[in-house]
Amino acid sequence: MPKKARKEKKPRDKSVFREYFELIAETAVFVFFVMTFVVQAFQIPTGSMETTLLVGDFLLVNKFAYARAVLPLEDKILPKKRLERKDTIVFRFPDDLTKDFVKRVIALEGDTLEIIDKQVFVNGVPMAENYKVHIDRQILPGASEYEYGIRARDNFGPMKIPAGHCFAMGDNRDNSQDSRYWGFLPLTYIKGKPWVIYFSYDAERDAYLKTSAKDRVSKFGRFITKARLNRILHTVK
């Protein structure tokens, strides 16, 4: 009788460990790509954009919004948003490029900006701003031309915005370190546009400065007890 044919060996399946490892690696690469080129997580640490953005808001920032095209067909495949007045932006702080700020674009390159008794004028026309708030009724005297600082808070300019720059201000006008204090913002410093609030809680003022172990425990407790659920998935305008 013919010898029994040897059973063919079946190829070994991947081990469970290897499958999970590959899945985790692929996910990590995808997350790294997204967080590097597509979105950025950002936390609001101060009240300079109240009441549009609150201390304790956690945002996702669209980094594609104003990105400059690298390839000739990139603008057609991935159309970019044109920077406009009243846009909310995230950018590198000119005085410390390691920090990110969020403000609102008030004037664009070529515009002439002037502030008279807290009212903003762009090219001689008063700007309607239903988003801004004033917490101080006092009106400070104006600053001389090209003089920045607290004296420029309520009366400023007129001043023409140079090419390649814009003028940015916080919505909380009496409590915002912005272009009135540190000058024009280079357009190349803009990182993206705030997109959506993915979490929010009622954080303590200057909570970002409190880094002790006790402060961290207290902050974690506020995540749960002071969560602002009504702000989650709120889109930023």
Protein backbone atom coordinates (compact mmCIF):
# COMPACT_ATOMS: atom_id res chain seq x y z
CA MET A 1 0.00 0.00 0.00
CA PRO A 2 1.23 3.50 -0.77
CA LYS A 3 2.56 5.36 2.13
CA LYS A 4 0.25 7.89 3.61
CA ALA A 5 0.96 11.32 2.25
CA ARG A 6 2.44 13.60 4.77
CA LYS A 7 0.12 16.25 5.97
CA GLU A 8 1.02 19.65 4.62
CA LYS A 9 2.04 22.08 7.27
CA LYS A 10 -0.26 25.05 7.56
CA PRO A 11 1.46 28.40 7.72
CA ARG A 12 1.54 29.70 11.26
CA ASP A 13 -0.83 32.50 11.92
CA LYS A 14 0.47 35.70 13.44
CA SER A 15 0.62 35.61 17.18
CA VAL A 16 -1.94 37.62 19.07
CA PHE A 17 0.89 39.70 20.53
CA ARG A 18 2.21 40.57 17.09
CA GLU A 19 -1.23 41.54 15.80
CA TYR A 20 -1.81 43.87 18.74
CA PHE A 21 1.69 45.30 18.41
CA GLU A 22 1.15 46.10 14.72
CA LEU A 23 -2.25 47.63 15.45
CA ILE A 24 -0.79 49.84 18.19
CA ALA A 25 2.14 50.86 15.97
CA GLU A 26 -0.12 51.75 13.04
CA THR A 27 -2.43 53.72 15.33
CA ALA A 28 0.52 55.57 16.86
CA VAL A 29 1.84 56.54 13.42
CA PHE A 30 -1.62 57.75 12.38
CA VAL A 31 -2.09 59.77 15.58
CA PHE A 32 1.40 61.25 15.22
CA PHE A 33 0.64 62.30 11.64
CA VAL A 34 -2.71 63.83 12.57
CA MET A 35 -1.36 65.71 15.61
CA THR A 36 1.63 66.97 13.62
CA PHE A 37 0.01 68.07 10.38
CA VAL A 38 -3.78 68.15 10.81
CA VAL A 39 -4.91 69.12 14.32
CA GLN A 40 -3.41 70.36 17.55
CA ALA A 41 -4.79 70.11 21.07
CA PHE A 42 -4.85 73.44 22.87
CA GLN A 43 -6.01 74.56 26.32
CA ILE A 44 -7.25 78.05 27.17
CA PRO A 45 -5.18 79.20 30.17
CA THR A 46 -6.32 82.83 30.55
CA GLY A 47 -9.46 84.93 30.18
CA SER A 48 -8.27 87.11 27.30
CA MET A 49 -10.84 85.62 24.90
CA GLU A 50 -13.86 85.61 27.21
CA THR A 51 -16.67 85.08 26.62
CA THR A 52 -15.94 83.37 23.29
CA LEU A 53 -13.43 81.02 24.92
CA LEU A 54 -13.27 80.34 28.65
CA VAL A 55 -10.48 79.35 30.98
CA GLY A 56 -10.57 75.55 31.06
CA ASP A 57 -11.72 75.04 27.46
CA PHE A 58 -9.82 72.33 25.59
CA LEU A 59 -9.74 72.86 21.81
CA LEU A 60 -8.81 71.06 18.66
CA VAL A 61 -7.05 73.42 16.27
CA ASN A 62 -7.28 72.96 12.50
CA LYS A 63 -3.68 73.29 11.32
CA PHE A 64 -4.67 72.96 7.65
CA ALA A 65 -6.84 76.09 7.71
CA TYR A 66 -4.18 78.64 6.73
CA ALA A 67 -1.31 76.34 5.74
CA ARG A 68 0.58 77.50 2.68
CA ALA A 69 0.58 75.21 -0.34
CA VAL A 70 3.78 73.26 -1.02
CA LEU A 71 2.80 71.49 -4.25
CA PRO A 72 1.21 73.28 -7.28
CA LEU A 73 -2.03 71.27 -7.13
CA GLU A 74 -2.32 71.33 -3.35
CA ASP A 75 -4.68 74.34 -3.30
CA LYS A 76 -7.13 72.52 -5.58
CA ILE A 77 -7.00 69.24 -3.69
CA LEU A 78 -6.97 70.78 -0.21
CA PRO A 79 -8.38 74.31 -0.50
CA LYS A 80 -7.17 76.62 2.27
CA LYS A 81 -9.15 79.26 4.10
CA ARG A 82 -8.29 82.86 3.35
CA LEU A 83 -7.40 84.85 6.46
CA GLU A 84 -10.19 87.31 7.19
CA ARG A 85 -10.97 89.96 9.75
CA LYS A 86 -12.70 88.54 12.85
CA ASP A 87 -11.13 85.08 12.38
CA THR A 88 -10.03 83.42 15.62
CA ILE A 89 -6.47 82.10 15.29
CA VAL A 90 -3.80 80.21 17.24
CA PHE A 91 -0.26 81.47 16.73
CA ARG A 92 3.23 81.48 18.13
CA PHE A 93 3.67 84.37 20.56
CA PRO A 94 6.18 86.78 18.93
CA ASP A 95 7.94 87.54 22.22
CA ASP A 96 8.35 83.84 23.08
CA LEU A 97 8.02 81.39 20.19
CA THR A 98 7.72 78.44 22.57
CA LYS A 99 4.27 79.66 23.64
CA ASP A 100 1.01 79.57 21.67
CA PHE A 101 -1.60 82.33 21.93
CA VAL A 102 -5.19 82.53 20.70
CA LYS A 103 -6.66 85.87 19.60
CA ARG A 104 -8.91 87.35 16.93
CA VAL A 105 -7.73 88.95 13.69
CA ILE A 106 -8.84 92.59 13.67
CA ALA A 107 -6.94 94.10 10.74
CA LEU A 108 -5.10 92.65 7.74
CA GLU A 109 -1.99 93.75 5.87
CA GLY A 110 -2.60 97.09 4.16
CA ASP A 111 -5.43 98.07 6.51
CA THR A 112 -5.29 101.24 8.57
CA LEU A 113 -6.33 100.59 12.16
CA GLU A 114 -7.33 103.09 14.81
CA ILE A 115 -8.90 102.72 18.26
CA ILE A 116 -10.84 105.68 19.65
CA ASP A 117 -12.28 105.36 23.15
CA LYS A 118 -12.38 101.55 22.86
CA GLN A 119 -14.09 101.61 19.43
CA VAL A 120 -12.07 99.94 16.66
CA PHE A 121 -11.95 101.58 13.23
CA VAL A 122 -10.56 99.78 10.17
CA ASN A 123 -9.93 101.97 7.13
CA GLY A 124 -12.01 104.68 8.78
CA VAL A 125 -15.07 102.45 9.29
CA PRO A 126 -16.18 101.42 12.82
CA MET A 127 -16.00 97.64 13.22
CA ALA A 128 -19.12 95.91 14.52
CA GLU A 129 -17.98 93.40 17.15
CA ASN A 130 -20.77 91.60 18.97
CA TYR A 131 -18.26 89.16 20.49
CA LYS A 132 -16.12 91.66 22.45
CA VAL A 133 -16.56 92.56 26.12
CA HIS A 134 -15.28 95.45 28.25
CA ILE A 135 -14.85 94.91 31.98
CA ASP A 136 -13.42 98.36 32.73
CA ARG A 137 -15.45 101.49 32.03
CA GLN A 138 -12.40 103.68 32.44
CA ILE A 139 -10.97 105.02 29.18
CA LEU A 140 -7.21 105.41 29.19
CA PRO A 141 -5.56 108.28 27.29
CA GLY A 142 -4.03 107.44 23.94
CA ALA A 143 -0.45 106.54 23.12
CA SER A 144 1.75 108.28 20.59
CA GLU A 145 2.32 106.73 17.18
CA TYR A 146 4.04 103.33 17.32
CA GLU A 147 3.90 103.33 21.12
CA TYR A 148 2.65 100.06 22.60
CA GLY A 149 1.59 99.16 26.12
CA ILE A 150 -1.15 99.92 28.58
CA ARG A 151 -1.62 103.46 27.26
CA ALA A 152 -2.58 102.01 23.88
CA ARG A 153 -5.39 99.91 25.35
CA ASP A 154 -8.33 102.24 24.58
CA ASN A 155 -6.84 104.76 22.13
CA PHE A 156 -4.38 103.64 19.49
CA GLY A 157 -3.12 104.69 16.07
CA PRO A 158 -3.96 105.36 13.32
CA MET A 159 -1.47 102.82 12.06
CA LYS A 160 -1.12 100.94 8.76
CA ILE A 161 -0.58 97.19 8.99
CA PRO A 162 2.63 96.26 7.10
CA ALA A 163 2.82 93.54 4.46
CA GLY A 164 3.10 90.02 5.82
CA HIS A 165 1.44 90.90 9.13
CA CYS A 166 -1.94 91.27 10.80
CA PHE A 167 -3.24 92.92 13.98
CA ALA A 168 -4.69 90.57 16.60
CA MET A 169 -6.72 91.36 19.73
CA GLY A 170 -8.47 89.41 22.46
CA ASP A 171 -12.26 89.56 22.82
CA ASN A 172 -11.86 90.55 26.48
CA ARG A 173 -10.50 93.91 25.42
CA ASP A 174 -9.56 95.31 28.82
CA ASN A 175 -7.72 92.14 29.86
CA SER A 176 -5.76 90.92 26.86
CA GLN A 177 -2.08 91.00 25.98
CA ASP A 178 -2.28 91.43 22.21
CA SER A 179 -1.01 93.53 19.30
CA ARG A 180 -1.65 96.72 21.26
CA TYR A 181 1.13 95.61 23.60
CA TRP A 182 3.61 93.62 21.49
CA GLY A 183 3.03 94.82 17.93
CA PHE A 184 2.05 93.34 14.58
CA LEU A 185 1.74 89.56 14.18
CA PRO A 186 3.76 87.96 11.35
CA LEU A 187 1.47 85.79 9.22
CA THR A 188 4.08 83.03 9.26
CA TYR A 189 3.51 82.62 13.00
CA ILE A 190 -0.11 81.57 12.56
CA LYS A 191 -0.51 77.85 13.34
CA GLY A 192 -4.20 77.29 12.69
CA LYS A 193 -7.81 78.03 13.48
CA PRO A 194 -9.63 76.81 16.62
CA TRP A 195 -12.17 74.24 15.49
CA VAL A 196 -14.12 72.57 18.28
CA ILE A 197 -14.15 72.37 22.09
CA TYR A 198 -13.70 68.70 23.01
CA PHE A 199 -13.78 69.23 26.79
CA SER A 200 -14.35 72.08 29.21
CA TYR A 201 -14.33 72.58 32.96
CA ASP A 202 -14.51 75.54 35.31
CA ALA A 203 -10.79 75.96 35.93
CA GLU A 204 -9.26 78.18 38.57
CA ARG A 205 -7.71 81.44 37.40
CA ASP A 206 -4.04 80.96 36.56
CA ALA A 207 -4.41 77.20 37.07
CA TYR A 208 -1.66 76.63 34.49
CA LEU A 209 0.81 78.23 36.90
CA LYS A 210 -0.04 75.80 39.71
CA THR A 211 2.04 72.67 39.21
CA SER A 212 2.51 71.16 42.68
CA ALA A 213 1.24 67.64 43.44
CA LYS A 214 -1.57 69.08 45.59
CA ASP A 215 -2.60 71.43 42.77
CA ARG A 216 -2.65 68.56 40.27
CA VAL A 217 -4.94 66.49 42.51
CA SER A 218 -7.23 69.49 42.98
CA LYS A 219 -7.27 70.09 39.23
CA PHE A 220 -8.18 66.47 38.54
CA GLY A 221 -11.08 66.73 40.98
CA ARG A 222 -12.38 69.82 39.19
CA PHE A 223 -12.30 67.93 35.88
CA ILE A 224 -15.12 65.79 37.22
CA THR A 225 -17.06 68.09 39.55
CA LYS A 226 -16.78 71.29 37.47
CA ALA A 227 -17.15 69.90 33.94
CA ARG A 228 -19.08 72.20 31.58
CA LEU A 229 -20.88 69.58 29.52
CA ASN A 230 -22.86 72.17 27.58
CA ARG A 231 -19.64 73.43 25.93
CA ILE A 232 -18.42 70.04 24.69
CA LEU A 233 -18.47 69.80 20.85
CA HIS A 234 -19.16 73.53 20.65
CA THR A 235 -17.60 74.93 17.44
CA VAL A 236 -15.47 78.04 17.73
CA LYS A 237 -16.33 81.10 15.65
